[in-house]
Amino acid sequence: MAIDPEGGRCVSADIAAGISPAAALFHSLADETRLRIVQRLARGEARVVDLTTQLGLAQSTVSKHLACLRDCGLIDYRAEGRQSFYSLTRPELMDLLASAEQLLAATGHAVTLRPTPAGVAEEPVS
């Protein structure tokens, strides 16, 4: 699923196109970059500049993916001066990612989707 280059929207556009909300949600999470952003935000809030540095992506790319995640209600931001701090809005997302980790491990494709405790090496999303 491509992100709308005009506004970064994904879920609302999918639903408007007749895709069920459940399918639209999973489409939102089907992108590796968005999963990496969710994984980072699960450790705490971050600014766009933090995400671009940590993920090695262009600001415009990060901003479009953040807009998509905001569109489906998984993240939001708070403004502080001229800066925006992004964070997860739905703690249930961690339960979904935990279930996905268990399912993938059971099928022989173990990955780490949730943050790991401090001092433990983190496996990239794959």
N, C-alpha and C. Protein backbone atom coordinates (compact mmCIF):
# COMPACT_ATOMS: atom_id res chain seq x y z
N MET A 1 0.84 -1.17 0.00
CA MET A 1 0.00 0.00 0.00
C MET A 1 0.88 1.23 0.00
N ALA A 2 0.63 2.11 -0.87
CA ALA A 2 1.40 3.35 -0.96
C ALA A 2 0.77 4.43 -0.11
N ILE A 3 1.60 5.32 0.36
CA ILE A 3 1.11 6.47 1.10
C ILE A 3 0.74 7.54 0.09
N ASP A 4 -0.37 8.21 0.32
CA ASP A 4 -0.79 9.31 -0.52
C ASP A 4 0.25 10.42 -0.44
N PRO A 5 0.92 10.78 -1.54
CA PRO A 5 1.98 11.78 -1.49
C PRO A 5 1.48 13.16 -1.09
N GLU A 6 0.21 13.43 -1.24
CA GLU A 6 -0.33 14.74 -0.89
C GLU A 6 -0.46 14.94 0.61
N GLY A 7 -0.91 13.91 1.32
CA GLY A 7 -1.19 14.12 2.73
C GLY A 7 -0.67 13.04 3.64
N GLY A 8 -0.08 12.00 3.11
CA GLY A 8 0.44 10.94 3.95
C GLY A 8 -0.65 10.07 4.54
N ARG A 9 -1.87 10.19 4.08
CA ARG A 9 -2.97 9.42 4.64
C ARG A 9 -2.97 8.00 4.09
N CYS A 10 -3.37 7.06 4.91
CA CYS A 10 -3.47 5.69 4.40
C CYS A 10 -4.76 5.03 4.85
N VAL A 11 -5.04 4.97 6.13
CA VAL A 11 -6.20 4.24 6.62
C VAL A 11 -7.50 4.86 6.14
N SER A 12 -7.68 6.16 6.30
CA SER A 12 -8.93 6.79 5.87
C SER A 12 -9.15 6.61 4.38
N ALA A 13 -8.09 6.73 3.60
CA ALA A 13 -8.21 6.55 2.16
C ALA A 13 -8.60 5.11 1.83
N ASP A 14 -8.03 4.15 2.56
CA ASP A 14 -8.38 2.75 2.34
C ASP A 14 -9.84 2.49 2.66
N ILE A 15 -10.29 3.02 3.80
CA ILE A 15 -11.68 2.80 4.21
C ILE A 15 -12.62 3.46 3.21
N ALA A 16 -12.26 4.66 2.76
CA ALA A 16 -13.08 5.36 1.76
C ALA A 16 -13.14 4.57 0.46
N ALA A 17 -12.08 3.81 0.17
CA ALA A 17 -12.04 3.02 -1.05
C ALA A 17 -12.76 1.68 -0.89
N GLY A 18 -13.35 1.44 0.31
CA GLY A 18 -14.13 0.23 0.50
C GLY A 18 -13.41 -0.89 1.22
N ILE A 19 -12.19 -0.65 1.68
CA ILE A 19 -11.46 -1.67 2.43
C ILE A 19 -11.93 -1.61 3.88
N SER A 20 -12.12 -2.77 4.49
CA SER A 20 -12.61 -2.79 5.87
C SER A 20 -11.60 -2.12 6.81
N PRO A 21 -12.09 -1.56 7.92
CA PRO A 21 -11.17 -0.94 8.89
C PRO A 21 -10.08 -1.88 9.38
N ALA A 22 -10.41 -3.16 9.56
CA ALA A 22 -9.40 -4.13 10.02
C ALA A 22 -8.30 -4.29 8.97
N ALA A 23 -8.70 -4.43 7.71
CA ALA A 23 -7.70 -4.57 6.64
C ALA A 23 -6.86 -3.30 6.53
N ALA A 24 -7.51 -2.14 6.68
CA ALA A 24 -6.78 -0.88 6.60
C ALA A 24 -5.75 -0.77 7.73
N LEU A 25 -6.13 -1.20 8.94
CA LEU A 25 -5.20 -1.18 10.06
C LEU A 25 -3.98 -2.06 9.76
N PHE A 26 -4.23 -3.29 9.30
CA PHE A 26 -3.11 -4.18 9.02
C PHE A 26 -2.27 -3.68 7.85
N HIS A 27 -2.89 -3.01 6.89
CA HIS A 27 -2.11 -2.38 5.82
C HIS A 27 -1.18 -1.33 6.41
N SER A 28 -1.66 -0.57 7.38
CA SER A 28 -0.84 0.47 8.02
C SER A 28 0.38 -0.13 8.67
N LEU A 29 0.22 -1.29 9.27
CA LEU A 29 1.32 -1.94 9.98
C LEU A 29 2.16 -2.83 9.07
N ALA A 30 1.77 -2.96 7.81
CA ALA A 30 2.48 -3.84 6.88
C ALA A 30 3.75 -3.22 6.33
N ASP A 31 3.98 -1.96 6.62
CA ASP A 31 5.16 -1.27 6.11
C ASP A 31 6.29 -1.34 7.15
N GLU A 32 7.48 -1.76 6.74
CA GLU A 32 8.61 -1.91 7.66
C GLU A 32 8.98 -0.59 8.33
N THR A 33 8.94 0.50 7.59
CA THR A 33 9.29 1.79 8.18
C THR A 33 8.31 2.16 9.28
N ARG A 34 7.03 1.96 9.03
CA ARG A 34 6.05 2.28 10.07
C ARG A 34 6.21 1.37 11.28
N LEU A 35 6.54 0.10 11.07
CA LEU A 35 6.81 -0.79 12.20
C LEU A 35 8.02 -0.31 12.99
N ARG A 36 9.05 0.14 12.30
CA ARG A 36 10.24 0.66 12.99
C ARG A 36 9.90 1.91 13.80
N ILE A 37 9.04 2.77 13.26
CA ILE A 37 8.62 3.97 13.98
C ILE A 37 7.82 3.57 15.22
N VAL A 38 6.89 2.64 15.07
CA VAL A 38 6.10 2.17 16.22
C VAL A 38 7.02 1.57 17.26
N GLN A 39 7.98 0.76 16.82
CA GLN A 39 8.92 0.13 17.74
C GLN A 39 9.70 1.19 18.52
N ARG A 40 10.13 2.24 17.83
CA ARG A 40 10.87 3.31 18.51
C ARG A 40 9.97 4.08 19.48
N LEU A 41 8.76 4.40 19.06
CA LEU A 41 7.85 5.15 19.92
C LEU A 41 7.37 4.34 21.12
N ALA A 42 7.44 3.03 21.03
CA ALA A 42 7.09 2.20 22.18
C ALA A 42 8.07 2.41 23.33
N ARG A 43 9.26 2.90 23.02
CA ARG A 43 10.25 3.19 24.06
C ARG A 43 10.08 4.59 24.64
N GLY A 44 9.23 5.40 24.04
CA GLY A 44 9.00 6.75 24.53
C GLY A 44 8.85 7.72 23.38
N GLU A 45 8.37 8.91 23.71
CA GLU A 45 8.11 9.89 22.66
C GLU A 45 9.38 10.33 21.95
N ALA A 46 9.19 10.83 20.73
CA ALA A 46 10.33 11.27 19.91
C ALA A 46 9.87 12.36 18.95
N ARG A 47 10.82 13.22 18.59
CA ARG A 47 10.59 14.24 17.58
C ARG A 47 10.92 13.67 16.20
N VAL A 48 10.48 14.34 15.16
CA VAL A 48 10.80 13.90 13.80
C VAL A 48 12.31 13.83 13.63
N VAL A 49 13.03 14.82 14.12
CA VAL A 49 14.49 14.83 13.96
C VAL A 49 15.12 13.62 14.65
N ASP A 50 14.57 13.21 15.80
CA ASP A 50 15.08 12.02 16.49
C ASP A 50 14.86 10.78 15.62
N LEU A 51 13.67 10.69 15.04
CA LEU A 51 13.34 9.52 14.22
C LEU A 51 14.18 9.48 12.94
N THR A 52 14.39 10.63 12.31
CA THR A 52 15.20 10.63 11.08
C THR A 52 16.62 10.17 11.38
N THR A 53 17.17 10.64 12.50
CA THR A 53 18.53 10.25 12.87
C THR A 53 18.60 8.77 13.22
N GLN A 54 17.69 8.31 14.05
CA GLN A 54 17.73 6.93 14.53
C GLN A 54 17.39 5.92 13.44
N LEU A 55 16.52 6.30 12.51
CA LEU A 55 16.11 5.37 11.46
C LEU A 55 16.87 5.55 10.16
N GLY A 56 17.63 6.65 10.06
CA GLY A 56 18.41 6.90 8.85
C GLY A 56 17.54 7.20 7.64
N LEU A 57 16.46 7.93 7.86
CA LEU A 57 15.53 8.24 6.78
C LEU A 57 15.40 9.74 6.60
N ALA A 58 14.92 10.14 5.44
CA ALA A 58 14.69 11.56 5.16
C ALA A 58 13.53 12.07 6.00
N GLN A 59 13.56 13.35 6.32
CA GLN A 59 12.51 13.97 7.12
C GLN A 59 11.14 13.82 6.45
N SER A 60 11.09 14.00 5.14
CA SER A 60 9.81 13.90 4.43
C SER A 60 9.24 12.49 4.52
N THR A 61 10.10 11.49 4.45
CA THR A 61 9.66 10.09 4.56
C THR A 61 9.09 9.82 5.93
N VAL A 62 9.80 10.23 6.96
CA VAL A 62 9.34 10.02 8.34
C VAL A 62 8.02 10.75 8.56
N SER A 63 7.92 11.98 8.10
CA SER A 63 6.71 12.76 8.29
C SER A 63 5.49 12.10 7.63
N LYS A 64 5.67 11.56 6.43
CA LYS A 64 4.55 10.90 5.74
C LYS A 64 4.11 9.64 6.48
N HIS A 65 5.08 8.88 6.99
CA HIS A 65 4.73 7.67 7.75
C HIS A 65 4.07 8.03 9.08
N LEU A 66 4.52 9.10 9.72
CA LEU A 66 3.89 9.56 10.96
C LEU A 66 2.44 9.98 10.68
N ALA A 67 2.21 10.66 9.57
CA ALA A 67 0.85 11.07 9.20
C ALA A 67 -0.05 9.86 9.02
N CYS A 68 0.48 8.81 8.41
CA CYS A 68 -0.29 7.59 8.22
C CYS A 68 -0.66 6.97 9.57
N LEU A 69 0.31 6.87 10.46
CA LEU A 69 0.06 6.28 11.78
C LEU A 69 -0.90 7.14 12.60
N ARG A 70 -0.83 8.45 12.43
CA ARG A 70 -1.77 9.35 13.11
C ARG A 70 -3.17 9.16 12.54
N ASP A 71 -3.25 8.95 11.23
CA ASP A 71 -4.54 8.79 10.57
C ASP A 71 -5.30 7.58 11.12
N CYS A 72 -4.60 6.54 11.50
CA CYS A 72 -5.28 5.36 12.03
C CYS A 72 -5.36 5.40 13.55
N GLY A 73 -4.93 6.48 14.16
CA GLY A 73 -5.10 6.66 15.59
C GLY A 73 -4.11 5.92 16.47
N LEU A 74 -3.02 5.44 15.87
CA LEU A 74 -2.03 4.70 16.66
C LEU A 74 -1.03 5.61 17.35
N ILE A 75 -0.83 6.80 16.80
CA ILE A 75 0.09 7.76 17.41
C ILE A 75 -0.56 9.13 17.42
N ASP A 76 0.01 10.02 18.22
CA ASP A 76 -0.40 11.42 18.22
C ASP A 76 0.82 12.22 18.63
N TYR A 77 0.67 13.53 18.69
CA TYR A 77 1.80 14.37 19.07
C TYR A 77 1.33 15.45 20.03
N ARG A 78 2.30 16.00 20.72
CA ARG A 78 2.05 17.16 21.55
C ARG A 78 3.06 18.22 21.12
N ALA A 79 2.60 19.44 21.03
CA ALA A 79 3.47 20.54 20.64
C ALA A 79 4.09 21.15 21.88
N GLU A 80 5.37 21.45 21.75
CA GLU A 80 6.09 22.16 22.80
C GLU A 80 6.94 23.20 22.09
N GLY A 81 6.48 24.43 22.13
CA GLY A 81 7.15 25.46 21.34
C GLY A 81 7.00 25.14 19.87
N ARG A 82 8.13 25.09 19.16
CA ARG A 82 8.11 24.79 17.73
C ARG A 82 8.34 23.31 17.45
N GLN A 83 8.43 22.51 18.50
CA GLN A 83 8.70 21.09 18.33
C GLN A 83 7.45 20.26 18.58
N SER A 84 7.37 19.12 17.90
CA SER A 84 6.28 18.17 18.11
C SER A 84 6.90 16.87 18.62
N PHE A 85 6.31 16.36 19.68
CA PHE A 85 6.77 15.11 20.28
C PHE A 85 5.71 14.04 20.01
N TYR A 86 6.10 13.00 19.28
CA TYR A 86 5.19 11.93 18.89
C TYR A 86 5.25 10.80 19.91
N SER A 87 4.09 10.16 20.12
CA SER A 87 4.01 9.02 21.04
C SER A 87 2.87 8.10 20.62
N LEU A 88 2.91 6.88 21.13
CA LEU A 88 1.84 5.92 20.86
C LEU A 88 0.60 6.32 21.66
N THR A 89 -0.56 6.10 21.08
CA THR A 89 -1.81 6.42 21.77
C THR A 89 -2.55 5.17 22.22
N ARG A 90 -2.22 4.04 21.66
CA ARG A 90 -2.96 2.82 21.93
C ARG A 90 -2.05 1.76 22.54
N PRO A 91 -2.10 1.57 23.86
CA PRO A 91 -1.27 0.54 24.48
C PRO A 91 -1.62 -0.87 23.98
N GLU A 92 -2.83 -1.03 23.45
CA GLU A 92 -3.23 -2.33 22.90
C GLU A 92 -2.34 -2.75 21.74
N LEU A 93 -1.70 -1.79 21.11
CA LEU A 93 -0.81 -2.10 20.00
C LEU A 93 0.33 -3.00 20.46
N MET A 94 0.80 -2.82 21.69
CA MET A 94 1.87 -3.68 22.21
C MET A 94 1.39 -5.12 22.36
N ASP A 95 0.12 -5.30 22.73
CA ASP A 95 -0.46 -6.65 22.81
C ASP A 95 -0.52 -7.28 21.42
N LEU A 96 -0.90 -6.49 20.43
CA LEU A 96 -0.95 -7.00 19.06
C LEU A 96 0.44 -7.41 18.58
N LEU A 97 1.45 -6.57 18.86
CA LEU A 97 2.81 -6.90 18.45
C LEU A 97 3.34 -8.12 19.21
N ALA A 98 2.98 -8.27 20.48
CA ALA A 98 3.39 -9.46 21.25
C ALA A 98 2.78 -10.71 20.63
N SER A 99 1.52 -10.64 20.25
CA SER A 99 0.87 -11.78 19.60
C SER A 99 1.53 -12.10 18.26
N ALA A 100 1.88 -11.06 17.51
CA ALA A 100 2.56 -11.26 16.22
C ALA A 100 3.92 -11.92 16.43
N GLU A 101 4.65 -11.50 17.47
CA GLU A 101 5.95 -12.13 17.77
C GLU A 101 5.77 -13.62 18.05
N GLN A 102 4.75 -13.96 18.85
CA GLN A 102 4.50 -15.37 19.19
C GLN A 102 4.12 -16.17 17.96
N LEU A 103 3.25 -15.61 17.14
CA LEU A 103 2.83 -16.29 15.92
C LEU A 103 4.00 -16.52 14.97
N LEU A 104 4.82 -15.49 14.78
CA LEU A 104 5.97 -15.63 13.88
C LEU A 104 6.98 -16.63 14.44
N ALA A 105 7.20 -16.62 15.75
CA ALA A 105 8.12 -17.59 16.36
C ALA A 105 7.60 -19.01 16.15
N ALA A 106 6.29 -19.19 16.29
CA ALA A 106 5.70 -20.52 16.12
C ALA A 106 5.82 -21.03 14.69
N THR A 107 5.93 -20.11 13.73
CA THR A 107 6.06 -20.51 12.33
C THR A 107 7.51 -20.52 11.87
N GLY A 108 8.43 -20.36 12.83
CA GLY A 108 9.85 -20.41 12.50
C GLY A 108 10.45 -19.12 12.01
N HIS A 109 9.78 -18.01 12.24
CA HIS A 109 10.26 -16.71 11.77
C HIS A 109 10.28 -15.71 12.92
N ALA A 110 11.03 -16.01 13.95
CA ALA A 110 11.06 -15.16 15.15
C ALA A 110 11.63 -13.78 14.83
N VAL A 111 10.93 -12.77 15.30
CA VAL A 111 11.35 -11.37 15.19
C VAL A 111 11.01 -10.67 16.50
N THR A 112 11.63 -9.54 16.71
CA THR A 112 11.32 -8.70 17.86
C THR A 112 10.62 -7.45 17.34
N LEU A 113 9.38 -7.26 17.76
CA LEU A 113 8.61 -6.11 17.33
C LEU A 113 8.43 -5.09 18.45
N ARG A 114 8.54 -5.54 19.69
CA ARG A 114 8.39 -4.65 20.83
C ARG A 114 9.77 -4.26 21.33
N PRO A 115 9.86 -3.18 22.08
CA PRO A 115 11.15 -2.77 22.63
C PRO A 115 11.69 -3.84 23.57
N THR A 116 13.00 -3.96 23.58
CA THR A 116 13.64 -4.90 24.48
C THR A 116 14.15 -4.16 25.70
N PRO A 117 14.30 -4.84 26.83
CA PRO A 117 14.82 -4.17 28.03
C PRO A 117 16.19 -3.57 27.78
N ALA A 118 16.52 -2.54 28.54
CA ALA A 118 17.83 -1.88 28.42
C ALA A 118 18.94 -2.90 28.57
N GLY A 119 19.95 -2.77 27.74
CA GLY A 119 21.11 -3.64 27.82
C GLY A 119 20.98 -4.91 27.01
N VAL A 120 19.80 -5.17 26.43
CA VAL A 120 19.59 -6.36 25.60
C VAL A 120 19.60 -5.93 24.15
N ALA A 121 20.35 -6.64 23.32
CA ALA A 121 20.45 -6.29 21.91
C ALA A 121 19.07 -6.42 21.25
N GLU A 122 18.74 -5.47 20.43
CA GLU A 122 17.46 -5.46 19.75
C GLU A 122 17.61 -6.00 18.34
N GLU A 123 16.73 -6.92 17.97
CA GLU A 123 16.71 -7.49 16.64
C GLU A 123 15.89 -6.58 15.73
N PRO A 124 16.36 -6.28 14.53
CA PRO A 124 15.59 -5.40 13.66
C PRO A 124 14.31 -6.08 13.17
N VAL A 125 13.33 -5.27 12.82
CA VAL A 125 12.11 -5.77 12.22
C VAL A 125 12.47 -6.35 10.87
N SER A 126 11.93 -7.52 10.55
CA SER A 126 12.19 -8.10 9.23
C SER A 126 10.95 -8.74 8.67
